[in-house]
Protein backbone atom coordinates (compact mmCIF):
# COMPACT_ATOMS: atom_id res chain seq x y z
CA MET A 1 82.07 -100.65 -188.55
CA ALA A 2 83.68 -98.06 -186.35
CA THR A 3 84.67 -95.25 -188.94
CA LYS A 4 86.83 -94.08 -185.75
CA LYS A 5 85.91 -90.39 -187.21
CA THR A 6 84.61 -89.12 -184.11
CA ILE A 7 87.69 -90.48 -181.67
CA PRO A 8 89.59 -87.34 -180.73
CA ARG A 9 92.10 -85.64 -183.07
CA VAL A 10 95.53 -83.91 -182.18
CA ALA A 11 95.38 -80.33 -181.21
CA LEU A 12 97.09 -78.63 -183.80
CA PRO A 13 97.32 -74.86 -184.80
CA LYS A 14 95.20 -74.83 -188.41
CA GLY A 15 97.40 -74.74 -191.72
CA VAL A 16 100.46 -76.56 -189.84
CA ARG A 17 102.49 -77.99 -192.91
CA ARG A 18 104.09 -81.04 -194.07
CA ASP A 19 107.05 -81.27 -192.01
CA THR A 20 104.75 -80.99 -189.03
CA LEU A 21 102.01 -83.19 -189.85
CA ALA A 22 104.67 -85.73 -190.30
CA VAL A 23 105.86 -85.79 -186.89
CA ARG A 24 102.79 -84.35 -184.64
CA GLU A 25 99.56 -85.56 -186.68
CA GLY A 26 97.88 -89.26 -185.16
CA LEU A 27 95.93 -89.38 -181.72
CA PRO A 28 96.48 -87.57 -178.76
CA ARG A 29 98.51 -88.78 -175.61
CA SER A 30 96.83 -91.13 -173.59
CA ALA A 31 96.53 -90.80 -169.72
CA TRP A 32 100.27 -91.45 -169.64
CA GLY A 33 101.76 -88.38 -171.50
CA GLU A 34 103.80 -90.20 -173.76
CA ASN A 35 106.16 -88.08 -176.40
CA SER A 36 106.40 -91.25 -178.51
CA GLU A 37 103.44 -92.77 -179.95
CA ALA A 38 102.39 -95.66 -178.15
CA LEU A 39 102.06 -98.94 -179.62
CA PHE A 40 99.03 -100.95 -178.44
CA LEU A 41 99.69 -104.95 -179.00
CA THR A 42 96.07 -106.18 -178.65
CA SER A 43 93.98 -108.20 -180.44
CA SER A 44 90.63 -106.77 -178.95
CA PHE A 45 89.41 -104.06 -176.93
CA VAL A 46 87.50 -104.63 -173.57
CA GLN A 47 83.75 -103.24 -173.70
CA PRO A 48 82.30 -101.18 -170.54
CA ASP A 49 78.96 -103.83 -170.89
CA ALA A 50 77.04 -105.65 -173.02
CA ALA A 51 74.61 -103.18 -174.31
CA THR A 52 77.62 -100.52 -175.63
CA ALA A 53 79.14 -103.60 -177.39
CA ALA A 54 76.29 -104.96 -179.14
CA ALA A 55 75.91 -100.78 -180.17
CA ARG A 56 79.42 -100.38 -181.29
CA PHE A 57 79.40 -103.80 -183.14
CA ALA A 58 76.29 -102.41 -185.30
CA ASN A 59 77.56 -99.61 -185.88
CA GLU A 60 75.69 -96.97 -183.80
CA GLU A 61 78.80 -95.71 -181.70
CA GLU A 62 82.43 -95.59 -182.78
CA ALA A 63 85.02 -97.22 -180.89
CA PHE A 64 88.29 -99.67 -180.98
CA ILE A 65 86.57 -103.01 -181.26
CA TYR A 66 89.12 -105.37 -183.10
CA SER A 67 92.57 -104.91 -184.11
CA ARG A 68 91.90 -106.50 -187.59
CA PHE A 69 89.61 -103.18 -188.24
CA THR A 70 90.52 -100.96 -185.35
CA ASN A 71 93.31 -100.30 -183.53
CA PRO A 72 94.78 -97.15 -181.99
CA THR A 73 98.44 -97.25 -183.80
CA VAL A 74 97.10 -97.98 -187.38
CA THR A 75 94.41 -95.57 -186.83
CA MET A 76 97.73 -93.31 -185.78
CA PHE A 77 99.63 -94.10 -189.33
CA GLU A 78 96.40 -93.69 -191.17
CA ARG A 79 95.76 -90.11 -190.04
CA ARG A 80 99.14 -89.14 -190.65
CA LEU A 81 99.39 -90.36 -194.12
CA ALA A 82 96.18 -88.92 -194.72
CA ALA A 83 97.51 -85.55 -193.88
CA LEU A 84 100.92 -85.79 -195.63
CA GLU A 85 98.47 -86.75 -198.71
CA GLY A 86 96.03 -84.16 -198.35
CA THR A 87 93.16 -86.34 -198.24
CA GLU A 88 90.28 -86.66 -196.01
CA ALA A 89 91.25 -90.56 -195.43
CA CYS A 90 93.47 -93.51 -194.98
CA ILE A 91 93.13 -97.02 -194.70
CA ALA A 92 96.56 -98.97 -193.89
CA THR A 93 96.69 -102.44 -195.55
CA SER A 94 99.45 -105.48 -194.80
CA SER A 95 101.33 -104.55 -197.94
CA GLY A 96 101.53 -102.33 -201.03
CA MET A 97 99.83 -105.29 -202.95
CA SER A 98 97.14 -105.51 -200.80
CA ALA A 99 96.32 -102.02 -200.77
CA ILE A 100 96.12 -102.59 -204.62
CA LEU A 101 93.88 -105.95 -204.06
CA LEU A 102 91.93 -104.18 -201.48
CA THR A 103 90.87 -101.14 -204.18
CA ALA A 104 89.90 -103.47 -206.80
CA MET A 105 87.78 -105.85 -204.26
CA ALA A 106 86.13 -102.67 -202.82
CA LEU A 107 85.33 -100.74 -206.44
CA LEU A 108 85.10 -103.43 -208.94
CA LYS A 109 82.93 -106.22 -210.08
CA ALA A 110 82.42 -108.99 -212.39
CA GLY A 111 81.76 -107.27 -216.02
CA ASP A 112 83.50 -103.59 -215.09
CA HIS A 113 86.73 -102.64 -217.11
CA VAL A 114 89.98 -101.35 -215.59
CA ILE A 115 92.61 -98.80 -217.97
CA CYS A 116 96.16 -99.77 -216.65
CA SER A 117 99.56 -98.68 -217.42
CA ARG A 118 101.44 -101.46 -219.16
CA SER A 119 104.55 -100.22 -217.29
CA VAL A 120 103.42 -100.59 -213.85
CA PHE A 121 105.18 -103.06 -210.99
CA GLY A 122 104.85 -106.49 -212.39
CA ALA A 123 102.94 -108.38 -209.80
CA THR A 124 100.28 -105.07 -210.29
CA ILE A 125 99.56 -106.43 -214.06
CA ALA A 126 99.58 -109.92 -212.74
CA LEU A 127 96.92 -109.47 -209.78
CA LEU A 128 94.62 -106.56 -212.30
CA GLY A 129 95.00 -108.85 -215.80
CA ARG A 130 95.28 -112.90 -214.88
CA GLU A 131 93.95 -112.80 -210.96
CA PHE A 132 90.69 -110.20 -211.71
CA GLY A 133 90.24 -111.95 -214.97
CA LYS A 134 89.03 -115.00 -213.50
CA PHE A 135 85.94 -112.94 -211.72
CA GLY A 136 84.77 -110.91 -214.78
CA VAL A 137 87.06 -107.99 -214.29
CA GLU A 138 88.66 -107.17 -217.77
CA THR A 139 92.04 -105.08 -218.18
CA THR A 140 93.47 -102.94 -220.56
CA PHE A 141 96.61 -102.00 -220.58
CA VAL A 142 97.68 -98.85 -222.56
CA SER A 143 101.37 -96.84 -222.83
CA GLN A 144 101.57 -94.80 -219.40
CA THR A 145 102.57 -92.10 -221.08
CA ASP A 146 100.50 -91.70 -224.10
CA VAL A 147 96.99 -89.82 -223.20
CA ALA A 148 95.13 -89.94 -226.31
CA GLU A 149 95.59 -94.44 -225.90
CA TRP A 150 94.30 -93.98 -222.35
CA ARG A 151 91.11 -92.13 -223.53
CA ALA A 152 90.72 -94.44 -226.53
CA ALA A 153 90.25 -97.25 -224.37
CA VAL A 154 87.77 -96.23 -222.14
CA ARG A 155 84.24 -98.38 -222.43
CA PRO A 156 81.16 -97.82 -220.59
CA ASN A 157 82.16 -100.20 -218.00
CA THR A 158 85.31 -98.28 -217.44
CA ARG A 159 85.27 -98.20 -213.65
CA LEU A 160 88.68 -97.27 -212.80
CA LEU A 161 92.04 -96.28 -214.02
CA PHE A 162 95.37 -97.51 -212.53
CA ALA A 163 98.58 -95.96 -213.19
CA GLU A 164 102.01 -95.42 -211.18
CA SER A 165 104.13 -92.68 -211.43
CA PRO A 166 106.85 -92.66 -212.00
CA THR A 167 106.79 -96.49 -213.02
CA ASN A 168 109.12 -99.00 -211.84
CA PRO A 169 111.49 -99.62 -212.96
CA LEU A 170 111.80 -97.05 -216.29
CA THR A 171 110.32 -94.07 -214.20
CA GLU A 172 107.81 -93.37 -217.03
CA ILE A 173 105.81 -90.50 -215.83
CA CYS A 174 102.01 -89.79 -216.50
CA ASP A 175 100.35 -86.85 -217.08
CA ILE A 176 98.01 -87.41 -213.62
CA ARG A 177 95.95 -84.44 -214.60
CA ALA A 178 94.97 -85.30 -217.97
CA LEU A 179 94.57 -88.84 -216.55
CA ALA A 180 91.95 -86.99 -214.09
CA ASP A 181 90.17 -85.19 -217.15
CA VAL A 182 89.80 -88.76 -218.74
CA ALA A 183 88.41 -90.26 -215.67
CA ARG A 184 85.93 -87.80 -214.66
CA GLU A 185 84.87 -87.51 -218.54
CA ALA A 186 84.48 -91.75 -217.82
CA ASN A 187 82.54 -91.45 -214.82
CA ALA A 188 85.04 -93.40 -213.85
CA LEU A 189 87.79 -93.09 -210.99
CA LEU A 190 91.86 -92.54 -211.10
CA ALA A 191 94.13 -94.60 -208.34
CA VAL A 192 97.75 -93.53 -208.46
CA ASP A 193 100.62 -95.59 -206.92
CA ASN A 194 102.75 -92.38 -205.61
CA CYS A 195 104.96 -95.11 -204.39
CA PHE A 196 108.49 -93.82 -205.44
CA CYS A 197 107.87 -90.17 -204.68
CA THR A 198 105.64 -90.62 -201.19
CA PRO A 199 103.89 -86.97 -200.33
CA ALA A 200 107.00 -85.47 -199.62
CA LEU A 201 107.38 -85.07 -203.29
CA GLN A 202 104.20 -85.68 -205.07
CA ARG A 203 100.63 -85.06 -204.37
CA PRO A 204 98.59 -87.24 -206.73
CA VAL A 205 95.09 -85.49 -205.00
CA GLU A 206 96.64 -82.03 -206.37
CA TYR A 207 96.06 -82.89 -209.35
CA GLY A 208 92.86 -84.72 -209.25
CA ALA A 209 93.70 -88.42 -208.93
CA ASP A 210 90.38 -90.18 -206.75
CA LEU A 211 92.84 -92.51 -204.99
CA ILE A 212 96.97 -92.51 -203.64
CA ILE A 213 98.02 -96.29 -203.38
CA HIS A 214 101.15 -96.59 -201.17
CA SER A 215 103.74 -99.57 -200.48
CA GLY A 216 104.39 -98.22 -197.05
CA THR A 217 107.48 -101.14 -197.20
CA LYS A 218 109.60 -98.64 -199.52
CA TYR A 219 109.90 -94.85 -198.76
CA LEU A 220 107.30 -94.77 -195.79
CA ASP A 221 108.83 -96.87 -193.69
CA GLY A 222 112.40 -95.89 -195.19
CA GLN A 223 114.62 -98.80 -193.51
CA GLY A 224 113.55 -101.95 -194.85
CA ARG A 225 111.91 -103.17 -191.70
CA VAL A 226 108.41 -104.11 -192.48
CA VAL A 227 105.66 -104.49 -195.42
CA ALA A 228 102.66 -102.08 -195.04
CA GLY A 229 100.58 -100.74 -197.34
CA ALA A 230 98.11 -98.13 -197.34
CA VAL A 231 95.08 -96.40 -199.88
CA CYS A 232 94.71 -93.10 -199.39
CA GLY A 233 90.77 -91.15 -200.62
CA THR A 234 87.68 -89.21 -199.92
CA GLU A 235 86.23 -89.70 -196.30
CA GLN A 236 83.24 -91.31 -198.23
CA LEU A 237 84.91 -93.43 -200.35
CA ILE A 238 87.37 -94.78 -197.69
CA ASN A 239 84.75 -95.84 -195.34
CA GLU A 240 81.93 -96.13 -197.34
CA LYS A 241 83.66 -98.79 -199.87
CA PHE A 242 87.19 -99.97 -198.77
CA VAL A 243 86.18 -100.13 -194.60
CA PRO A 244 83.46 -103.44 -195.45
CA VAL A 245 85.91 -105.01 -197.27
CA MET A 246 88.99 -104.57 -194.91
CA ARG A 247 86.97 -106.04 -192.41
CA SER A 248 85.73 -109.31 -193.44
CA SER A 249 88.84 -110.20 -195.43
CA GLY A 250 91.54 -108.94 -192.58
CA MET A 251 93.73 -107.37 -195.16
CA THR A 252 94.68 -105.43 -192.68
CA LEU A 253 98.39 -103.58 -191.22
CA SER A 254 99.47 -105.13 -188.08
CA PRO A 255 99.75 -102.32 -185.13
CA PHE A 256 103.63 -103.49 -184.65
CA ASN A 257 104.52 -102.60 -188.79
CA ALA A 258 101.56 -99.72 -188.18
CA TRP A 259 103.92 -97.78 -185.62
CA VAL A 260 107.61 -98.63 -187.56
CA VAL A 261 106.29 -97.68 -189.99
CA LEU A 262 104.49 -94.19 -188.20
CA LYS A 263 107.60 -93.80 -187.11
CA GLY A 264 109.56 -93.91 -190.49
CA LEU A 265 106.82 -90.92 -191.63
CA GLU A 266 108.90 -88.66 -188.68
CA THR A 267 112.21 -88.33 -191.29
CA LEU A 268 110.35 -89.40 -194.82
CA SER A 269 110.74 -85.59 -195.52
CA ILE A 270 114.58 -85.00 -194.60
CA ARG A 271 115.54 -89.09 -196.58
CA MET A 272 113.04 -88.51 -199.74
CA GLN A 273 115.46 -85.11 -200.40
CA THR A 274 118.63 -86.52 -199.18
CA GLN A 275 118.11 -89.48 -201.63
CA SER A 276 117.25 -88.11 -204.81
CA GLN A 277 119.96 -85.39 -204.29
CA ARG A 278 122.31 -88.13 -204.47
CA ALA A 279 120.57 -89.97 -207.20
CA LEU A 280 120.74 -86.84 -209.57
CA GLU A 281 124.20 -87.21 -208.49
CA LEU A 282 124.62 -90.66 -209.59
CA ALA A 283 122.21 -90.44 -212.42
CA THR A 284 124.49 -87.58 -213.91
CA TRP A 285 127.86 -89.27 -213.34
CA LEU A 286 126.32 -92.79 -214.74
CA GLU A 287 125.90 -90.83 -218.44
CA GLN A 288 128.47 -90.12 -218.98
CA GLN A 289 130.28 -93.57 -218.53
CA PRO A 290 130.72 -95.50 -222.04
CA GLY A 291 129.57 -99.14 -220.27
CA ILE A 292 125.88 -97.35 -220.60
CA GLU A 293 124.00 -97.78 -223.20
CA TRP A 294 120.83 -95.02 -221.46
CA VAL A 295 120.14 -93.81 -217.88
CA PHE A 296 116.40 -93.46 -216.80
CA TYR A 297 116.13 -90.53 -214.02
CA PRO A 298 113.24 -88.37 -214.42
CA GLY A 299 115.96 -85.35 -212.54
CA LEU A 300 118.01 -85.64 -216.09
CA THR A 301 116.71 -83.37 -218.98
CA SER A 302 117.63 -86.10 -221.20
CA HIS A 303 114.05 -87.79 -219.50
CA PRO A 304 111.28 -87.63 -221.83
CA GLN A 305 109.16 -86.29 -219.32
CA HIS A 306 111.07 -84.44 -217.68
CA ALA A 307 109.79 -81.24 -217.46
CA LEU A 308 106.15 -82.80 -216.29
CA ALA A 309 108.27 -84.42 -213.68
CA MET A 310 109.63 -81.53 -212.45
CA ALA A 311 105.96 -80.04 -212.36
CA GLN A 312 104.38 -82.99 -210.19
CA GLN A 313 107.72 -84.19 -208.34
CA SER A 314 108.34 -80.67 -206.74
CA GLY A 315 111.16 -80.23 -208.65
CA SER A 316 112.92 -83.65 -207.79
CA GLY A 317 113.84 -86.86 -209.87
CA GLY A 318 112.95 -89.05 -206.79
CA ALA A 319 115.57 -91.78 -205.86
CA VAL A 320 115.29 -94.23 -208.06
CA LEU A 321 116.85 -94.96 -211.59
CA SER A 322 117.67 -97.52 -214.28
CA PHE A 323 120.50 -97.59 -216.57
CA LYS A 324 120.73 -100.27 -219.63
CA VAL A 325 124.50 -101.70 -220.06
CA LYS A 326 125.97 -101.94 -223.53
CA PRO A 327 126.65 -105.63 -224.27
CA ASP A 328 129.45 -107.41 -225.98
CA ALA A 329 128.55 -108.05 -229.69
CA PRO A 330 126.58 -109.29 -230.68
CA ALA A 331 124.12 -107.82 -228.80
CA ASP A 332 121.57 -110.59 -228.00
CA ALA A 333 119.21 -110.77 -224.47
CA ALA A 334 121.74 -113.32 -223.59
CA ALA A 335 124.71 -111.00 -223.92
CA GLU A 336 122.40 -108.08 -222.33
CA ARG A 337 121.78 -110.26 -219.39
CA ARG A 338 125.50 -112.04 -218.77
CA ALA A 339 125.97 -107.85 -218.46
CA ALA A 340 124.01 -106.59 -216.34
CA PHE A 341 125.07 -109.66 -213.92
CA HIS A 342 128.33 -108.88 -213.86
CA VAL A 343 127.69 -105.06 -213.02
CA ILE A 344 125.07 -106.01 -209.98
CA ASP A 345 127.31 -109.37 -209.04
CA SER A 346 130.84 -107.57 -209.01
CA THR A 347 129.42 -104.75 -206.48
CA GLN A 348 130.62 -104.66 -202.91
CA VAL A 349 128.33 -102.07 -201.47
CA CYS A 350 125.36 -102.01 -202.92
CA SER A 351 122.78 -104.37 -201.68
CA ILE A 352 121.51 -107.22 -204.22
CA THR A 353 117.67 -107.20 -203.42
CA ALA A 354 114.58 -106.41 -205.01
CA ASN A 355 113.44 -104.03 -202.88
CA LEU A 356 113.58 -100.41 -202.75
CA GLY A 357 113.52 -97.30 -200.27
CA ASP A 358 115.60 -97.98 -198.18
CA THR A 359 118.79 -96.20 -196.60
CA LYS A 360 120.80 -98.23 -197.33
CA THR A 361 121.23 -98.54 -201.94
CA THR A 362 119.79 -101.69 -203.50
CA ILE A 363 119.95 -102.93 -206.60
CA THR A 364 118.59 -105.66 -208.42
CA HIS A 365 117.58 -106.73 -212.54
CA PRO A 366 114.23 -106.25 -212.73
CA ALA A 367 113.43 -108.48 -215.90
CA SER A 368 113.93 -111.64 -213.86
CA THR A 369 113.06 -110.42 -210.28
CA SER A 370 110.36 -107.75 -209.84
CA HIS A 371 109.09 -108.50 -213.04
CA GLY A 372 110.28 -112.31 -213.94
CA ARG A 373 106.53 -113.51 -213.00
CA LEU A 374 105.48 -111.22 -216.73
CA THR A 375 105.61 -113.21 -220.03
CA GLU A 376 108.50 -111.90 -222.75
CA GLU A 377 105.97 -110.35 -224.60
CA GLN A 378 104.50 -108.23 -222.03
CA ARG A 379 108.42 -107.10 -220.66
CA GLN A 380 108.91 -105.87 -223.76
CA ALA A 381 105.66 -104.01 -224.12
CA ALA A 382 106.66 -102.47 -221.14
CA GLY A 383 110.46 -102.09 -222.02
CA ILE A 384 111.95 -103.74 -219.80
CA THR A 385 114.93 -105.63 -221.63
CA GLN A 386 117.45 -108.35 -220.36
CA GLY A 387 120.28 -104.73 -220.00
CA LEU A 388 118.51 -103.02 -217.85
CA VAL A 389 119.55 -102.33 -213.41
CA ARG A 390 117.82 -101.05 -211.49
CA VAL A 391 119.36 -98.81 -208.89
CA ALA A 392 116.89 -97.20 -206.00
CA VAL A 393 120.21 -94.91 -203.80
CA GLY A 394 119.86 -94.79 -200.21
CA LEU A 395 121.95 -92.64 -198.28
CA ASP A 396 125.57 -93.98 -198.86
CA ASP A 397 128.21 -91.93 -199.50
CA VAL A 398 127.72 -90.92 -203.81
CA GLU A 399 131.31 -91.65 -204.11
CA ASP A 400 131.48 -95.01 -202.86
CA LEU A 401 127.83 -95.64 -205.18
CA LYS A 402 129.83 -94.85 -208.23
CA ASP A 403 133.45 -97.22 -207.16
CA ASP A 404 130.74 -99.76 -206.58
CA LEU A 405 129.49 -99.49 -210.17
CA LEU A 406 132.86 -98.81 -211.84
CA ARG A 407 134.20 -102.27 -210.49
CA GLY A 408 131.57 -104.01 -212.88
CA LEU A 409 131.35 -101.00 -215.55
CA ASP A 410 135.32 -100.81 -216.07
CA SER A 411 135.60 -104.80 -216.58
CA LEU A 412 132.62 -105.59 -219.72
């Protein structure tokens, strides 16, 4: 497999900062001298002769061969994201969930054990707990925030610790450095899903994480246009463990989608800063509304892990918040669901969709969408009640968002 590491890089001054890397890192310009990164829409690459082709397919010479596993546009995206995350390498995938699938396939085998936060995305719980359970990989789900519970779950066959920070949708924060210590003591790897923060706010590798997982569908793209994913880590880990699985499985990111997300990275920092500021303003306002029982947002001092979030996330709470609506009496699950649905259905500005990370503010009911495939027991363990509403704040005017939520809150 051609690892692409000897393909020429952009000649940037040593020590350039993240905002510069976000618009400059990638591959050098072609002979045409384009200023914007090129989109290579080709399934394969012509080789100069049969002997060279043989050498390249035998991993004796590095070059682009076939777009299932080597493509210049995809490589541009991989290099730029790795630079932003502060890792040596990155491998792009067809979706965020395929990034997690690739991680599991690259690192785990029958008889291995995984420790995972019980508060992660519903599909992640299903993939690790149910699907990989079919193949003899056992997963123990633990508290996102209780490091002692992670440590107590370690077994001799533990190979991977997996966490999101913040989690979807309750924005729970894990102590990345503490979990990295647990993983190191267990001779295991720590993977952190950095989807909510992105490297614009948080770089898990700086706290000891071995792998950083991304759904590029969210903030990396930023406009809800394509589906994409990625795994960042050391060059050795990516090349030796992940690339062979990618070459055989075909979970690769398409060149077009790579190009879209690559261009999205150019505005990542300014989008994350602006959307996070607006999320804080909206969350602060929501705390004051009589129809709200609780607001979950790391930027609020009321958040249980506020101090940790500020330390790990560059002083920002991110752009996603959740709140629990006060139901009519009696306060049972059915009443909670009716109240949450009423608030969601009363909106006229927010987009009712389970996606997040868009410039358009989105709103959803996690218990019946993103976490709808979980059992009620699993949802309760994760704290996802029927009255919970998640809002991913975009670039809409905050006053319009307040007015939009009031349409439902004022008529409960």
